[in-house]
Amino acid sequence: MISKMTEIHPDATIGENVTIESFTTIYEDVVIGDGCHIGPNVTIYPGARIGKNVQIYPGSVISAVPQDLKFAGEYTTVEIGDNTVIRECVTIHRGTADKKKTVVGKNCLLMGYVHIAHDCILGDHCIMANYSGLSGHNILGDYVIMEGRSGTQQFIEIGSHAFIAGFTGVRKNVPPYVRAAREPISYVGVNAIGLRRRGFSDEEVRIIEDAYRQLYVQNNTISSGVEGIKNEIPDGPIKENILNFIASSERGIIRGPLN
C-alpha cells in the first residue's frame, strides 16, 4: 500500500508488497526491496539501497549528504540489509571518497535518534540504542551492541560481539567479545551473557576469558599481553580473531581498568 500523499520520484525502484505511508519523500536513484514498510514523514535521498523487509519509522532520514567538509559531491550510497529495523528519527548519511558507501548489515536494530555518519560499516545483528551515534569511518563487527547515548570518534573499530555501555565515549578500538565502559573507556569484562545467548559454549567463553585475562590482568602492557595470548591460549578461531584485531588496530585498543 502506497499512500497518495507520498512523493516518489519516477526513477526510484520499489519492490513488491511495500508499504509507504503519508508525507514520505523518496528521491531518484533509490532502490527499496520487497516487503518493506516505510512509515510517515520519512525522507530517502538518492543513493539508498534498502534490502527486503526493512522497517523505517517516522522522521528518519536515509542517504543524506554527509556532514563532511571534504565531501565534493562524489557518487556514494547507503546500503541497508534485509530485516533491519530503523526506528524514529534515525539519520544515516551517504559515504564519501573514502569507502564510497555507508553500510548497515542485516537484522540490525537502530533505536530512536541514532546517527550513523558517512563511511561507517556495520555488520549483521548490531543493536544501537536510543541516542547512540557513530562518527565517520567507523567499522562495527557482527552482534555489536551500543547502549543509549554512547558514541564514537572517527576511524574507530569495534569487534564482533562487543558490548558498549551507555554514556560511554569510544576513542580507542574495542576488541571482539568484550564489555567496555567507564571514562575513559576501558575493558570491564567479557560479554559472557551475550556470547552464551548466541550459542558460544562454556569452553569457548572460558578461552575468551583466559585470553583477556592475559591481556588486561596478568600483564602490564598490551605487547606483553599479546605474547601471553600467543603462548598460553590454544590455537583456534577465537585466538586468531583476537590477535588479528589487535595487530590491525593502528589507533590502539582500549586499556584495562588498572592500566
C-alpha atoms as a PDB file:
ATOM      1  CA  MET A   1       0.000   0.000   0.000  1.00  0.00           C
ATOM      2  CA  ILE A   2       1.426   3.356  -1.049  1.00  0.00           C
ATOM      3  CA  SER A   3      -0.287   6.481   0.234  1.00  0.00           C
ATOM      4  CA  LYS A   4      -1.475   9.029  -2.302  1.00  0.00           C
ATOM      5  CA  MET A   5       0.125  11.681  -0.088  1.00  0.00           C
ATOM      6  CA  THR A   6       3.613  10.279  -0.681  1.00  0.00           C
ATOM      7  CA  GLU A   7       6.044  11.741  -3.217  1.00  0.00           C
ATOM      8  CA  ILE A   8       8.019   9.095  -5.102  1.00  0.00           C
ATOM      9  CA  HIS A   9      10.385  10.022  -7.916  1.00  0.00           C
ATOM     10  CA  PRO A  10       9.665   8.065 -11.123  1.00  0.00           C
ATOM     11  CA  ASP A  11      13.283   6.868 -11.226  1.00  0.00           C
ATOM     12  CA  ALA A  12      13.008   5.185  -7.814  1.00  0.00           C
ATOM     13  CA  THR A  13      12.653   1.379  -7.805  1.00  0.00           C
ATOM     14  CA  ILE A  14      10.055  -0.003  -5.392  1.00  0.00           C
ATOM     15  CA  GLY A  15       9.741  -3.741  -4.760  1.00  0.00           C
ATOM     16  CA  GLU A  16       6.636  -5.831  -4.247  1.00  0.00           C
ATOM     17  CA  ASN A  17       4.376  -5.681  -1.177  1.00  0.00           C
ATOM     18  CA  VAL A  18       5.911  -2.416   0.012  1.00  0.00           C
ATOM     19  CA  THR A  19       4.004  -0.061   2.317  1.00  0.00           C
ATOM     20  CA  ILE A  20       4.825   3.653   2.139  1.00  0.00           C
ATOM     21  CA  GLU A  21       2.810   5.937   4.388  1.00  0.00           C
ATOM     22  CA  SER A  22       1.768   9.586   4.100  1.00  0.00           C
ATOM     23  CA  PHE A  23       4.142  12.521   3.601  1.00  0.00           C
ATOM     24  CA  THR A  24       7.187  10.382   2.888  1.00  0.00           C
ATOM     25  CA  THR A  25       9.519  11.582   0.125  1.00  0.00           C
ATOM     26  CA  ILE A  26      11.581   9.174  -1.965  1.00  0.00           C
ATOM     27  CA  TYR A  27      14.081  10.670  -4.413  1.00  0.00           C
ATOM     28  CA  GLU A  28      15.566   9.330  -7.628  1.00  0.00           C
ATOM     29  CA  ASP A  29      18.196   6.560  -7.613  1.00  0.00           C
ATOM     30  CA  VAL A  30      16.596   4.800  -4.649  1.00  0.00           C
ATOM     31  CA  VAL A  31      16.004   1.038  -4.518  1.00  0.00           C
ATOM     32  CA  ILE A  32      13.593  -0.391  -1.937  1.00  0.00           C
ATOM     33  CA  GLY A  33      13.304  -4.170  -1.630  1.00  0.00           C
ATOM     34  CA  ASP A  34      10.261  -6.369  -1.299  1.00  0.00           C
ATOM     35  CA  GLY A  35       8.160  -6.334   1.856  1.00  0.00           C
ATOM     36  CA  CYS A  36       9.490  -3.064   3.302  1.00  0.00           C
ATOM     37  CA  HIS A  37       7.373  -0.797   5.483  1.00  0.00           C
ATOM     38  CA  ILE A  38       8.232   2.901   5.257  1.00  0.00           C
ATOM     39  CA  GLY A  39       6.399   4.998   7.834  1.00  0.00           C
ATOM     40  CA  PRO A  40       5.146   8.582   7.511  1.00  0.00           C
ATOM     41  CA  ASN A  41       7.432  11.599   7.224  1.00  0.00           C
ATOM     42  CA  VAL A  42      10.459   9.592   6.122  1.00  0.00           C
ATOM     43  CA  THR A  43      12.944  11.106   3.659  1.00  0.00           C
ATOM     44  CA  ILE A  44      15.027   8.806   1.468  1.00  0.00           C
ATOM     45  CA  TYR A  45      17.603  10.637  -0.633  1.00  0.00           C
ATOM     46  CA  PRO A  46      19.423   9.436  -3.789  1.00  0.00           C
ATOM     47  CA  GLY A  47      21.818   6.547  -3.393  1.00  0.00           C
ATOM     48  CA  ALA A  48      19.791   4.500  -0.899  1.00  0.00           C
ATOM     49  CA  ARG A  49      19.830   0.733  -1.410  1.00  0.00           C
ATOM     50  CA  ILE A  50      17.341  -0.811   1.004  1.00  0.00           C
ATOM     51  CA  GLY A  51      17.012  -4.584   1.319  1.00  0.00           C
ATOM     52  CA  LYS A  52      13.966  -6.744   1.885  1.00  0.00           C
ATOM     53  CA  ASN A  53      11.563  -6.485   4.848  1.00  0.00           C
ATOM     54  CA  VAL A  54      13.195  -3.354   6.238  1.00  0.00           C
ATOM     55  CA  GLN A  55      11.079  -1.229   8.591  1.00  0.00           C
ATOM     56  CA  ILE A  56      11.683   2.522   8.704  1.00  0.00           C
ATOM     57  CA  TYR A  57       9.787   4.557  11.289  1.00  0.00           C
ATOM     58  CA  PRO A  58       8.609   8.199  11.146  1.00  0.00           C
ATOM     59  CA  GLY A  59      11.079  11.047  10.915  1.00  0.00           C
ATOM     60  CA  SER A  60      14.036   9.034   9.679  1.00  0.00           C
ATOM     61  CA  VAL A  61      16.387  10.447   7.033  1.00  0.00           C
ATOM     62  CA  ILE A  62      18.270   7.956   4.883  1.00  0.00           C
ATOM     63  CA  SER A  63      21.167   8.666   2.471  1.00  0.00           C
ATOM     64  CA  ALA A  64      21.503  12.394   3.148  1.00  0.00           C
ATOM     65  CA  VAL A  65      24.669  14.165   2.015  1.00  0.00           C
ATOM     66  CA  PRO A  66      27.457  13.552   4.577  1.00  0.00           C
ATOM     67  CA  GLN A  67      28.382  16.170   7.155  1.00  0.00           C
ATOM     68  CA  ASP A  68      31.974  16.212   5.944  1.00  0.00           C
ATOM     69  CA  LEU A  69      33.595  19.355   4.563  1.00  0.00           C
ATOM     70  CA  LYS A  70      35.805  17.211   2.311  1.00  0.00           C
ATOM     71  CA  PHE A  71      32.772  15.832   0.501  1.00  0.00           C
ATOM     72  CA  ALA A  72      32.849  17.136  -3.064  1.00  0.00           C
ATOM     73  CA  GLY A  73      29.641  15.695  -4.441  1.00  0.00           C
ATOM     74  CA  GLU A  74      31.115  12.327  -5.450  1.00  0.00           C
ATOM     75  CA  TYR A  75      28.671   9.497  -6.148  1.00  0.00           C
ATOM     76  CA  THR A  76      28.171   7.430  -2.993  1.00  0.00           C
ATOM     77  CA  THR A  77      25.484   5.242  -1.455  1.00  0.00           C
ATOM     78  CA  VAL A  78      23.834   3.924   1.689  1.00  0.00           C
ATOM     79  CA  GLU A  79      23.187   0.169   1.864  1.00  0.00           C
ATOM     80  CA  ILE A  80      20.757  -1.303   4.393  1.00  0.00           C
ATOM     81  CA  GLY A  81      20.495  -5.073   4.828  1.00  0.00           C
ATOM     82  CA  ASP A  82      17.414  -7.268   4.945  1.00  0.00           C
ATOM     83  CA  ASN A  83      15.172  -7.307   8.040  1.00  0.00           C
ATOM     84  CA  THR A  84      16.769  -4.278   9.656  1.00  0.00           C
ATOM     85  CA  VAL A  85      14.546  -2.045  11.822  1.00  0.00           C
ATOM     86  CA  ILE A  86      15.157   1.707  11.796  1.00  0.00           C
ATOM     87  CA  ARG A  87      13.198   3.482  14.498  1.00  0.00           C
ATOM     88  CA  GLU A  88      12.069   7.084  14.852  1.00  0.00           C
ATOM     89  CA  CYS A  89      14.261   9.959  13.647  1.00  0.00           C
ATOM     90  CA  VAL A  90      17.316   7.878  12.759  1.00  0.00           C
ATOM     91  CA  THR A  91      19.796   9.553  10.384  1.00  0.00           C
ATOM     92  CA  ILE A  92      22.107   7.588   8.081  1.00  0.00           C
ATOM     93  CA  HIS A  93      24.437   9.545   5.776  1.00  0.00           C
ATOM     94  CA  ARG A  94      26.000   8.552   2.468  1.00  0.00           C
ATOM     95  CA  GLY A  95      29.662   7.689   2.128  1.00  0.00           C
ATOM     96  CA  THR A  96      32.470   9.884   0.837  1.00  0.00           C
ATOM     97  CA  ALA A  97      35.509   9.237  -1.365  1.00  0.00           C
ATOM     98  CA  ASP A  98      36.900   7.044   1.450  1.00  0.00           C
ATOM     99  CA  LYS A  99      34.654   3.983   1.162  1.00  0.00           C
ATOM    100  CA  LYS A 100      32.069   5.281  -1.330  1.00  0.00           C
ATOM    101  CA  LYS A 101      29.306   3.893   0.857  1.00  0.00           C
ATOM    102  CA  THR A 102      27.788   3.607   4.303  1.00  0.00           C
ATOM    103  CA  VAL A 103      26.540   0.119   5.184  1.00  0.00           C
ATOM    104  CA  VAL A 104      24.120  -1.222   7.792  1.00  0.00           C
ATOM    105  CA  GLY A 105      24.021  -5.012   7.819  1.00  0.00           C
ATOM    106  CA  LYS A 106      21.151  -7.466   8.036  1.00  0.00           C
ATOM    107  CA  ASN A 107      18.879  -7.907  11.070  1.00  0.00           C
ATOM    108  CA  CYS A 108      20.107  -4.764  12.818  1.00  0.00           C
ATOM    109  CA  LEU A 109      18.059  -2.618  15.215  1.00  0.00           C
ATOM    110  CA  LEU A 110      18.663   1.123  15.248  1.00  0.00           C
ATOM    111  CA  MET A 111      16.590   2.699  18.012  1.00  0.00           C
ATOM    112  CA  GLY A 112      15.258   6.238  18.101  1.00  0.00           C
ATOM    113  CA  TYR A 113      17.554   9.167  17.232  1.00  0.00           C
ATOM    114  CA  VAL A 114      20.553   7.003  16.345  1.00  0.00           C
ATOM    115  CA  HIS A 115      23.021   8.692  13.981  1.00  0.00           C
ATOM    116  CA  ILE A 116      25.300   6.805  11.588  1.00  0.00           C
ATOM    117  CA  ALA A 117      27.778   9.055   9.828  1.00  0.00           C
ATOM    118  CA  HIS A 118      29.476   8.697   6.452  1.00  0.00           C
ATOM    119  CA  ASP A 119      31.592   5.671   5.567  1.00  0.00           C
ATOM    120  CA  CYS A 120      30.528   3.592   8.559  1.00  0.00           C
ATOM    121  CA  ILE A 121      30.271  -0.166   8.025  1.00  0.00           C
ATOM    122  CA  LEU A 122      28.047  -2.151  10.410  1.00  0.00           C
ATOM    123  CA  GLY A 123      27.923  -5.924  10.440  1.00  0.00           C
ATOM    124  CA  ASP A 124      24.824  -8.052  10.903  1.00  0.00           C
ATOM    125  CA  HIS A 125      22.676  -8.222  14.053  1.00  0.00           C
ATOM    126  CA  CYS A 126      24.011  -4.972  15.523  1.00  0.00           C
ATOM    127  CA  ILE A 127      21.906  -3.043  18.054  1.00  0.00           C
ATOM    128  CA  MET A 128      22.306   0.669  18.673  1.00  0.00           C
ATOM    129  CA  ALA A 129      20.127   2.013  21.482  1.00  0.00           C
ATOM    130  CA  ASN A 130      18.494   5.424  21.688  1.00  0.00           C
ATOM    131  CA  TYR A 131      20.666   8.493  21.044  1.00  0.00           C
ATOM    132  CA  SER A 132      23.813   6.486  20.376  1.00  0.00           C
ATOM    133  CA  GLY A 133      25.907   7.585  17.432  1.00  0.00           C
ATOM    134  CA  LEU A 134      28.810   6.795  15.148  1.00  0.00           C
ATOM    135  CA  SER A 135      31.211   9.363  13.749  1.00  0.00           C
ATOM    136  CA  GLY A 136      32.611   8.844  10.264  1.00  0.00           C
ATOM    137  CA  HIS A 137      34.678   5.874   9.079  1.00  0.00           C
ATOM    138  CA  ASN A 138      33.705   3.505  11.911  1.00  0.00           C
ATOM    139  CA  ILE A 139      33.616  -0.276  11.482  1.00  0.00           C
ATOM    140  CA  LEU A 140      31.426  -2.487  13.681  1.00  0.00           C
ATOM    141  CA  GLY A 141      31.565  -6.270  13.572  1.00  0.00           C
ATOM    142  CA  ASP A 142      28.573  -8.565  13.835  1.00  0.00           C
ATOM    143  CA  TYR A 143      26.443  -8.548  17.006  1.00  0.00           C
ATOM    144  CA  VAL A 144      27.867  -5.325  18.418  1.00  0.00           C
ATOM    145  CA  ILE A 145      25.607  -3.663  20.996  1.00  0.00           C
ATOM    146  CA  MET A 146      25.884   0.028  21.867  1.00  0.00           C
ATOM    147  CA  GLU A 147      23.749   1.193  24.772  1.00  0.00           C
ATOM    148  CA  GLY A 148      21.978   4.546  24.872  1.00  0.00           C
ATOM    149  CA  ARG A 149      23.927   7.802  24.466  1.00  0.00           C
ATOM    150  CA  SER A 150      27.192   6.023  23.733  1.00  0.00           C
ATOM    151  CA  GLY A 151      29.236   7.363  20.865  1.00  0.00           C
ATOM    152  CA  THR A 152      32.449   7.088  18.904  1.00  0.00           C
ATOM    153  CA  GLN A 153      35.048   9.347  17.416  1.00  0.00           C
ATOM    154  CA  GLN A 154      36.146   8.895  13.806  1.00  0.00           C
ATOM    155  CA  PHE A 155      38.047   5.846  12.482  1.00  0.00           C
ATOM    156  CA  ILE A 156      37.062   3.568  15.377  1.00  0.00           C
ATOM    157  CA  GLU A 157      36.653  -0.192  15.037  1.00  0.00           C
ATOM    158  CA  ILE A 158      34.546  -2.293  17.395  1.00  0.00           C
ATOM    159  CA  GLY A 159      34.992  -6.058  17.207  1.00  0.00           C
ATOM    160  CA  SER A 160      32.224  -8.614  16.847  1.00  0.00           C
ATOM    161  CA  HIS A 161      30.129  -9.421  19.931  1.00  0.00           C
ATOM    162  CA  ALA A 162      31.437  -6.404  21.843  1.00  0.00           C
ATOM    163  CA  PHE A 163      29.165  -4.503  24.232  1.00  0.00           C
ATOM    164  CA  ILE A 164      29.490  -0.756  24.808  1.00  0.00           C
ATOM    165  CA  ALA A 165      27.844   0.556  27.987  1.00  0.00           C
ATOM    166  CA  GLY A 166      25.562   3.569  27.958  1.00  0.00           C
ATOM    167  CA  PHE A 167      27.072   7.083  28.001  1.00  0.00           C
ATOM    168  CA  THR A 168      30.487   5.687  27.012  1.00  0.00           C
ATOM    169  CA  GLY A 169      32.756   7.658  24.691  1.00  0.00           C
ATOM    170  CA  VAL A 170      34.715   5.324  22.413  1.00  0.00           C
ATOM    171  CA  ARG A 171      38.117   6.799  21.496  1.00  0.00           C
ATOM    172  CA  LYS A 172      40.098   3.584  21.016  1.00  0.00           C
ATOM    173  CA  ASN A 173      39.329   0.362  19.184  1.00  0.00           C
ATOM    174  CA  VAL A 174      37.332  -2.192  21.165  1.00  0.00           C
ATOM    175  CA  PRO A 175      38.401  -5.834  20.695  1.00  0.00           C
ATOM    176  CA  PRO A 176      35.862  -8.590  19.987  1.00  0.00           C
ATOM    177  CA  TYR A 177      33.859 -10.334  22.721  1.00  0.00           C
ATOM    178  CA  VAL A 178      34.407  -7.716  25.441  1.00  0.00           C
ATOM    179  CA  ARG A 179      32.360  -5.298  27.532  1.00  0.00           C
ATOM    180  CA  ALA A 180      33.637  -1.722  27.616  1.00  0.00           C
ATOM    181  CA  ALA A 181      32.586   1.158  29.869  1.00  0.00           C
ATOM    182  CA  ARG A 182      33.798   3.990  32.138  1.00  0.00           C
ATOM    183  CA  GLU A 183      35.521   7.265  31.357  1.00  0.00           C
ATOM    184  CA  PRO A 184      38.000   6.998  29.840  1.00  0.00           C
ATOM    185  CA  ILE A 185      36.714   3.853  28.189  1.00  0.00           C
ATOM    186  CA  SER A 186      38.266   0.630  29.435  1.00  0.00           C
ATOM    187  CA  TYR A 187      37.814  -3.114  29.460  1.00  0.00           C
ATOM    188  CA  VAL A 188      35.360  -4.241  32.156  1.00  0.00           C
ATOM    189  CA  GLY A 189      34.975  -7.915  31.301  1.00  0.00           C
ATOM    190  CA  VAL A 190      33.933 -10.428  28.668  1.00  0.00           C
ATOM    191  CA  ASN A 191      30.438 -10.253  27.166  1.00  0.00           C
ATOM    192  CA  ALA A 192      29.740 -13.732  28.509  1.00  0.00           C
ATOM    193  CA  ILE A 193      25.943 -13.456  28.704  1.00  0.00           C
ATOM    194  CA  GLY A 194      25.661 -12.237  25.122  1.00  0.00           C
ATOM    195  CA  LEU A 195      28.053 -14.899  23.867  1.00  0.00           C
ATOM    196  CA  ARG A 196      26.102 -17.731  25.514  1.00  0.00           C
ATOM    197  CA  ARG A 197      22.852 -16.367  24.113  1.00  0.00           C
ATOM    198  CA  ARG A 198      24.395 -16.645  20.631  1.00  0.00           C
ATOM    199  CA  GLY A 199      25.466 -20.244  21.072  1.00  0.00           C
ATOM    200  CA  PHE A 200      29.036 -19.974  22.358  1.00  0.00           C
ATOM    201  CA  SER A 201      29.873 -22.955  24.561  1.00  0.00           C
ATOM    202  CA  ASP A 202      31.139 -22.647  28.131  1.00  0.00           C
ATOM    203  CA  GLU A 203      34.547 -23.807  26.899  1.00  0.00           C
ATOM    204  CA  GLU A 204      34.668 -21.099  24.225  1.00  0.00           C
ATOM    205  CA  VAL A 205      33.699 -18.440  26.767  1.00  0.00           C
ATOM    206  CA  ARG A 206      36.416 -19.721  29.100  1.00  0.00           C
ATOM    207  CA  ILE A 207      39.008 -19.442  26.324  1.00  0.00           C
ATOM    208  CA  ILE A 208      37.934 -15.843  25.666  1.00  0.00           C
ATOM    209  CA  GLU A 209      38.107 -15.013  29.382  1.00  0.00           C
ATOM    210  CA  ASP A 210      41.558 -16.566  29.641  1.00  0.00           C
ATOM    211  CA  ALA A 211      42.761 -14.583  26.626  1.00  0.00           C
ATOM    212  CA  TYR A 212      41.633 -11.252  28.030  1.00  0.00           C
ATOM    213  CA  ARG A 213      42.969 -12.153  31.454  1.00  0.00           C
ATOM    214  CA  GLN A 214      46.371 -12.397  29.761  1.00  0.00           C
ATOM    215  CA  LEU A 215      45.834  -9.080  28.007  1.00  0.00           C
ATOM    216  CA  TYR A 216      44.335  -6.981  30.779  1.00  0.00           C
ATOM    217  CA  VAL A 217      45.035  -8.601  34.153  1.00  0.00           C
ATOM    218  CA  GLN A 218      48.219 -10.668  34.187  1.00  0.00           C
ATOM    219  CA  ASN A 219      50.421  -8.387  32.090  1.00  0.00           C
ATOM    220  CA  ASN A 220      51.341  -4.721  32.407  1.00  0.00           C
ATOM    221  CA  THR A 221      51.397  -3.799  28.719  1.00  0.00           C
ATOM    222  CA  ILE A 222      49.418  -4.687  25.605  1.00  0.00           C
ATOM    223  CA  SER A 223      52.530  -6.139  23.949  1.00  0.00           C
ATOM    224  CA  SER A 224      53.260  -8.484  26.859  1.00  0.00           C
ATOM    225  CA  GLY A 225      49.587  -9.437  26.985  1.00  0.00           C
ATOM    226  CA  VAL A 226      49.684 -10.360  23.306  1.00  0.00           C
ATOM    227  CA  GLU A 227      52.679 -12.595  23.963  1.00  0.00           C
ATOM    228  CA  GLY A 228      50.730 -14.209  26.802  1.00  0.00           C
ATOM    229  CA  ILE A 229      47.838 -14.949  24.449  1.00  0.00           C
ATOM    230  CA  LYS A 230      50.190 -16.417  21.845  1.00  0.00           C
ATOM    231  CA  ASN A 231      51.861 -18.674  24.415  1.00  0.00           C
ATOM    232  CA  GLU A 232      49.010 -19.629  26.741  1.00  0.00           C
ATOM    233  CA  ILE A 233      45.816 -19.745  24.694  1.00  0.00           C
ATOM    234  CA  PRO A 234      45.053 -22.783  22.488  1.00  0.00           C
ATOM    235  CA  ASP A 235      45.095 -22.214  18.737  1.00  0.00           C
ATOM    236  CA  GLY A 236      41.756 -21.730  17.050  1.00  0.00           C
ATOM    237  CA  PRO A 237      39.454 -19.123  15.524  1.00  0.00           C
ATOM    238  CA  ILE A 238      38.874 -17.256  18.801  1.00  0.00           C
ATOM    239  CA  LYS A 239      42.592 -16.753  19.422  1.00  0.00           C
ATOM    240  CA  GLU A 240      43.106 -15.811  15.775  1.00  0.00           C
ATOM    241  CA  ASN A 241      40.258 -13.262  15.830  1.00  0.00           C
ATOM    242  CA  ILE A 242      41.591 -11.543  18.950  1.00  0.00           C
ATOM    243  CA  LEU A 243      45.215 -11.396  17.784  1.00  0.00           C
ATOM    244  CA  ASN A 244      44.301 -10.240  14.274  1.00  0.00           C
ATOM    245  CA  PHE A 245      42.137  -7.456  15.657  1.00  0.00           C
ATOM    246  CA  ILE A 246      44.882  -6.193  17.952  1.00  0.00           C
ATOM    247  CA  ALA A 247      47.537  -6.425  15.228  1.00  0.00           C
ATOM    248  CA  SER A 248      45.437  -4.379  12.787  1.00  0.00           C
ATOM    249  CA  SER A 249      44.449  -1.681  15.307  1.00  0.00           C
ATOM    250  CA  GLU A 250      46.653   1.202  14.249  1.00  0.00           C
ATOM    251  CA  ARG A 251      44.878   3.564  16.653  1.00  0.00           C
ATOM    252  CA  GLY A 252      45.429   1.200  19.560  1.00  0.00           C
ATOM    253  CA  ILE A 253      42.893  -0.685  21.665  1.00  0.00           C
ATOM    254  CA  ILE A 254      41.176   0.169  24.927  1.00  0.00           C
ATOM    255  CA  ARG A 255      43.162  -0.417  28.089  1.00  0.00           C
ATOM    256  CA  GLY A 256      42.343  -2.407  31.175  1.00  0.00           C
ATOM    257  CA  PRO A 257      40.790  -0.836  34.287  1.00  0.00           C
ATOM    258  CA  LEU A 258      44.129  -0.745  36.102  1.00  0.00           C
ATOM    259  CA  ASN A 259      46.339   0.465  33.200  1.00  0.00           C
END
